[in-house]
C-alpha atoms as a PDB file:
ATOM      1  CA  UNK A   1      84.780  11.292  24.702  1.00  0.00           C
ATOM      2  CA  UNK A   2      87.409  12.514  27.187  1.00  0.00           C
ATOM      3  CA  UNK A   3      85.901  10.201  29.823  1.00  0.00           C
ATOM      4  CA  UNK A   4      85.865   7.219  27.459  1.00  0.00           C
ATOM      5  CA  UNK A   5      89.486   7.791  26.411  1.00  0.00           C
ATOM      6  CA  UNK A   6      90.804   8.301  29.965  1.00  0.00           C
ATOM      7  CA  UNK A   7      91.486  12.024  29.524  1.00  0.00           C
ATOM      8  CA  UNK A   8      88.943  12.869  32.244  1.00  0.00           C
ATOM      9  CA  UNK A   9      87.845  11.121  35.417  1.00  0.00           C
ATOM     10  CA  UNK A  10      84.662  13.039  36.201  1.00  0.00           C
ATOM     11  CA  UNK A  11      81.544  13.461  34.142  1.00  0.00           C
ATOM     12  CA  UNK A  12      78.034  14.749  34.478  1.00  0.00           C
ATOM     13  CA  UNK A  13      75.930  12.258  36.366  1.00  0.00           C
ATOM     14  CA  UNK A  14      73.157  11.851  33.825  1.00  0.00           C
ATOM     15  CA  UNK A  15      72.547  10.500  30.326  1.00  0.00           C
ATOM     16  CA  UNK A  16      70.069  11.897  27.796  1.00  0.00           C
ATOM     17  CA  UNK A  17      68.477  10.511  24.647  1.00  0.00           C
ATOM     18  CA  UNK A  18      65.568  11.354  22.398  1.00  0.00           C
ATOM     19  CA  UNK A  19      63.606   9.449  19.770  1.00  0.00           C
ATOM     20  CA  UNK A  20      61.502  10.928  16.994  1.00  0.00           C
ATOM     21  CA  UNK A  21      60.938   7.933  14.791  1.00  0.00           C
ATOM     22  CA  UNK A  22      58.033   6.217  13.152  1.00  0.00           C
ATOM     23  CA  UNK A  23      57.496   3.840  16.079  1.00  0.00           C
ATOM     24  CA  UNK A  24      56.100   6.605  18.310  1.00  0.00           C
ATOM     25  CA  UNK A  25      53.022   8.762  17.878  1.00  0.00           C
ATOM     26  CA  UNK A  26      55.045  11.618  19.345  1.00  0.00           C
ATOM     27  CA  UNK A  27      58.578  12.521  20.392  1.00  0.00           C
ATOM     28  CA  UNK A  28      60.173  10.710  23.322  1.00  0.00           C
ATOM     29  CA  UNK A  29      62.835  12.154  25.615  1.00  0.00           C
ATOM     30  CA  UNK A  30      64.773  10.218  28.261  1.00  0.00           C
ATOM     31  CA  UNK A  31      67.063  11.156  31.093  1.00  0.00           C
ATOM     32  CA  UNK A  32      68.836   8.654  33.323  1.00  0.00           C
ATOM     33  CA  UNK A  33      70.404   9.618  36.625  1.00  0.00           C
ATOM     34  CA  UNK A  34      71.591   7.036  39.108  1.00  0.00           C
ATOM     35  CA  UNK A  35      68.958   4.393  39.563  1.00  0.00           C
ATOM     36  CA  UNK A  36      66.215   6.458  37.895  1.00  0.00           C
ATOM     37  CA  UNK A  37      65.157   6.572  34.267  1.00  0.00           C
ATOM     38  CA  UNK A  38      62.523   9.111  33.251  1.00  0.00           C
ATOM     39  CA  UNK A  39      60.841   9.157  29.849  1.00  0.00           C
ATOM     40  CA  UNK A  40      58.679  12.073  28.703  1.00  0.00           C
ATOM     41  CA  UNK A  41      56.361  11.785  25.712  1.00  0.00           C
ATOM     42  CA  UNK A  42      54.855  15.014  24.378  1.00  0.00           C
ATOM     43  CA  UNK A  43      51.078  14.718  24.736  1.00  0.00           C
ATOM     44  CA  UNK A  44      51.210  11.441  26.693  1.00  0.00           C
ATOM     45  CA  UNK A  45      51.949  10.481  30.307  1.00  0.00           C
ATOM     46  CA  UNK A  46      55.583  10.279  31.320  1.00  0.00           C
ATOM     47  CA  UNK A  47      57.171   7.152  32.760  1.00  0.00           C
ATOM     48  CA  UNK A  48      59.578   6.633  35.650  1.00  0.00           C
ATOM     49  CA  UNK A  49      61.580   3.471  36.239  1.00  0.00           C
ATOM     50  CA  UNK A  50      63.833   2.334  39.066  1.00  0.00           C
ATOM     51  CA  UNK A  51      66.514   0.475  37.135  1.00  0.00           C
ATOM     52  CA  UNK A  52      68.023  -1.118  40.243  1.00  0.00           C
ATOM     53  CA  UNK A  53      64.840  -2.937  41.218  1.00  0.00           C
ATOM     54  CA  UNK A  54      63.367  -3.139  37.694  1.00  0.00           C
ATOM     55  CA  UNK A  55      66.117  -3.377  35.047  1.00  0.00           C
ATOM     56  CA  UNK A  56      63.577  -4.587  32.479  1.00  0.00           C
ATOM     57  CA  UNK A  57      61.565  -1.374  32.880  1.00  0.00           C
ATOM     58  CA  UNK A  58      58.311  -3.226  33.461  1.00  0.00           C
ATOM     59  CA  UNK A  59      56.923  -1.137  36.332  1.00  0.00           C
ATOM     60  CA  UNK A  60      56.162   2.518  35.683  1.00  0.00           C
ATOM     61  CA  UNK A  61      56.526   4.317  39.017  1.00  0.00           C
ATOM     62  CA  UNK A  62      55.509   7.827  37.904  1.00  0.00           C
ATOM     63  CA  UNK A  63      52.213   7.717  39.822  1.00  0.00           C
ATOM     64  CA  UNK A  64      53.771   6.073  42.897  1.00  0.00           C
ATOM     65  CA  UNK A  65      56.843   8.360  43.020  1.00  0.00           C
ATOM     66  CA  UNK A  66      55.492  11.766  41.886  1.00  0.00           C
ATOM     67  CA  UNK A  67      58.232  13.777  43.630  1.00  0.00           C
ATOM     68  CA  UNK A  68      60.989  11.737  41.964  1.00  0.00           C
ATOM     69  CA  UNK A  69      59.181  12.145  38.630  1.00  0.00           C
ATOM     70  CA  UNK A  70      59.143  15.946  39.168  1.00  0.00           C
ATOM     71  CA  UNK A  71      62.869  15.940  40.012  1.00  0.00           C
ATOM     72  CA  UNK A  72      63.649  13.995  36.860  1.00  0.00           C
ATOM     73  CA  UNK A  73      61.374  16.182  34.737  1.00  0.00           C
ATOM     74  CA  UNK A  74      63.168  19.301  36.015  1.00  0.00           C
ATOM     75  CA  UNK A  75      66.517  17.728  35.103  1.00  0.00           C
ATOM     76  CA  UNK A  76      65.248  16.824  31.639  1.00  0.00           C
ATOM     77  CA  UNK A  77      63.938  20.375  31.118  1.00  0.00           C
ATOM     78  CA  UNK A  78      67.369  21.749  32.044  1.00  0.00           C
ATOM     79  CA  UNK A  79      68.745  19.696  29.151  1.00  0.00           C
ATOM     80  CA  UNK A  80      66.042  20.217  26.529  1.00  0.00           C
ATOM     81  CA  UNK A  81      62.789  22.098  26.050  1.00  0.00           C
ATOM     82  CA  UNK A  82      61.091  18.962  24.806  1.00  0.00           C
ATOM     83  CA  UNK A  83      57.741  20.548  23.910  1.00  0.00           C
ATOM     84  CA  UNK A  84      59.450  23.234  21.817  1.00  0.00           C
ATOM     85  CA  UNK A  85      61.750  20.668  20.208  1.00  0.00           C
ATOM     86  CA  UNK A  86      58.755  18.483  19.394  1.00  0.00           C
ATOM     87  CA  UNK A  87      56.951  21.420  17.746  1.00  0.00           C
ATOM     88  CA  UNK A  88      60.043  22.245  15.684  1.00  0.00           C
ATOM     89  CA  UNK A  89      60.381  18.629  14.534  1.00  0.00           C
ATOM     90  CA  UNK A  90      56.679  18.416  13.643  1.00  0.00           C
ATOM     91  CA  UNK A  91      56.918  21.682  11.684  1.00  0.00           C
ATOM     92  CA  UNK A  92      59.948  20.334   9.829  1.00  0.00           C
ATOM     93  CA  UNK A  93      58.167  17.023   9.111  1.00  0.00           C
ATOM     94  CA  UNK A  94      55.100  18.807   7.763  1.00  0.00           C
ATOM     95  CA  UNK A  95      57.138  21.139   5.564  1.00  0.00           C
ATOM     96  CA  UNK A  96      59.267  18.271   4.253  1.00  0.00           C
ATOM     97  CA  UNK A  97      56.150  16.225   3.480  1.00  0.00           C
ATOM     98  CA  UNK A  98      54.483  19.158   1.729  1.00  0.00           C
ATOM     99  CA  UNK A  99      57.568  19.545  -0.473  1.00  0.00           C
ATOM    100  CA  UNK A 100      57.715  15.812  -1.208  1.00  0.00           C
ATOM    101  CA  UNK A 101      53.996  15.716  -2.024  1.00  0.00           C
ATOM    102  CA  UNK A 102      54.212  18.700  -4.386  1.00  0.00           C
ATOM    103  CA  UNK A 103      57.104  17.047  -6.230  1.00  0.00           C
ATOM    104  CA  UNK A 104      55.457  13.617  -6.270  1.00  0.00           C
ATOM    105  CA  UNK A 105      52.138  14.942  -7.559  1.00  0.00           C
ATOM    106  CA  UNK A 106      54.010  16.707 -10.370  1.00  0.00           C
ATOM    107  CA  UNK A 107      55.877  13.486 -11.215  1.00  0.00           C
ATOM    108  CA  UNK A 108      59.215  14.937 -10.089  1.00  0.00           C
ATOM    109  CA  UNK A 109      59.880  12.336  -7.395  1.00  0.00           C
ATOM    110  CA  UNK A 110      60.689   8.776  -8.433  1.00  0.00           C
ATOM    111  CA  UNK A 111      60.387   5.979  -5.885  1.00  0.00           C
ATOM    112  CA  UNK A 112      62.895   3.200  -6.565  1.00  0.00           C
ATOM    113  CA  UNK A 113      62.619   1.584  -3.142  1.00  0.00           C
ATOM    114  CA  UNK A 114      62.419  -2.163  -2.628  1.00  0.00           C
ATOM    115  CA  UNK A 115      58.646  -2.309  -3.085  1.00  0.00           C
ATOM    116  CA  UNK A 116      58.887  -0.742  -6.533  1.00  0.00           C
ATOM    117  CA  UNK A 117      62.268  -2.187  -7.572  1.00  0.00           C
ATOM    118  CA  UNK A 118      62.163  -3.031 -11.252  1.00  0.00           C
ATOM    119  CA  UNK A 119      59.102  -0.834 -11.679  1.00  0.00           C
ATOM    120  CA  UNK A 120      59.925   2.573 -10.193  1.00  0.00           C
ATOM    121  CA  UNK A 121      57.082   5.017  -9.972  1.00  0.00           C
ATOM    122  CA  UNK A 122      56.672   8.750 -10.046  1.00  0.00           C
ATOM    123  CA  UNK A 123      52.921   8.465  -9.367  1.00  0.00           C
ATOM    124  CA  UNK A 124      52.020   9.947  -5.975  1.00  0.00           C
ATOM    125  CA  UNK A 125      49.381   7.312  -5.224  1.00  0.00           C
ATOM    126  CA  UNK A 126      51.688   4.413  -6.129  1.00  0.00           C
ATOM    127  CA  UNK A 127      54.440   5.890  -3.963  1.00  0.00           C
ATOM    128  CA  UNK A 128      52.099   6.353  -0.997  1.00  0.00           C
ATOM    129  CA  UNK A 129      50.647   2.866  -1.458  1.00  0.00           C
ATOM    130  CA  UNK A 130      54.200   1.507  -1.461  1.00  0.00           C
ATOM    131  CA  UNK A 131      54.843   3.189   1.875  1.00  0.00           C
ATOM    132  CA  UNK A 132      51.389   2.508   3.369  1.00  0.00           C
ATOM    133  CA  UNK A 133      49.699  -0.524   1.836  1.00  0.00           C
ATOM    134  CA  UNK A 134      46.133   0.296   0.859  1.00  0.00           C
ATOM    135  CA  UNK A 135      46.662   4.066   0.971  1.00  0.00           C
ATOM    136  CA  UNK A 136      43.408   5.708  -0.135  1.00  0.00           C
ATOM    137  CA  UNK A 137      41.342   8.902  -0.024  1.00  0.00           C
ATOM    138  CA  UNK A 138      40.560   8.389   3.680  1.00  0.00           C
ATOM    139  CA  UNK A 139      44.291   8.259   4.406  1.00  0.00           C
ATOM    140  CA  UNK A 140      44.847  11.339   2.264  1.00  0.00           C
ATOM    141  CA  UNK A 141      42.145  13.144   4.274  1.00  0.00           C
ATOM    142  CA  UNK A 142      43.990  12.181   7.486  1.00  0.00           C
ATOM    143  CA  UNK A 143      47.197  13.606   5.996  1.00  0.00           C
ATOM    144  CA  UNK A 144      45.354  16.824   5.177  1.00  0.00           C
ATOM    145  CA  UNK A 145      44.121  17.068   8.778  1.00  0.00           C
ATOM    146  CA  UNK A 146      47.665  16.469  10.043  1.00  0.00           C
ATOM    147  CA  UNK A 147      49.082  19.141   7.736  1.00  0.00           C
ATOM    148  CA  UNK A 148      46.424  21.614   8.899  1.00  0.00           C
ATOM    149  CA  UNK A 149      46.933  20.883  12.604  1.00  0.00           C
ATOM    150  CA  UNK A 150      48.887  23.325  14.796  1.00  0.00           C
END
């Protein structure tokens, strides 16, 4: 904020962001420094982009520029322990889902979202089907495996 408001003229020379949303199978962590953008995904290969020559981020250079990828990974790890953060987020997600499921199965959670507007439900299966069309016992078994995973 001091840099944006003119109260400072110097800043760190990197930018950091993370994403832990439903559009990824994992957590994603990004650091940008100069021309380089590095993205680490827990459990998946990282990506490296040269934003000067590839502003659309179409060419992953991680395999072609392994030393630059290592430099960027070290910088990212100075900012965040992304594996530990990922584990903490997954633990939180599992605990929050367990709590939701207990309440929903007891009829204590009422879903009034757009899919059930006008006909809110406190039935666990109706709520899950509203979130994941066609939710069934196979899906519930996958949830059980996820909850039991480390």
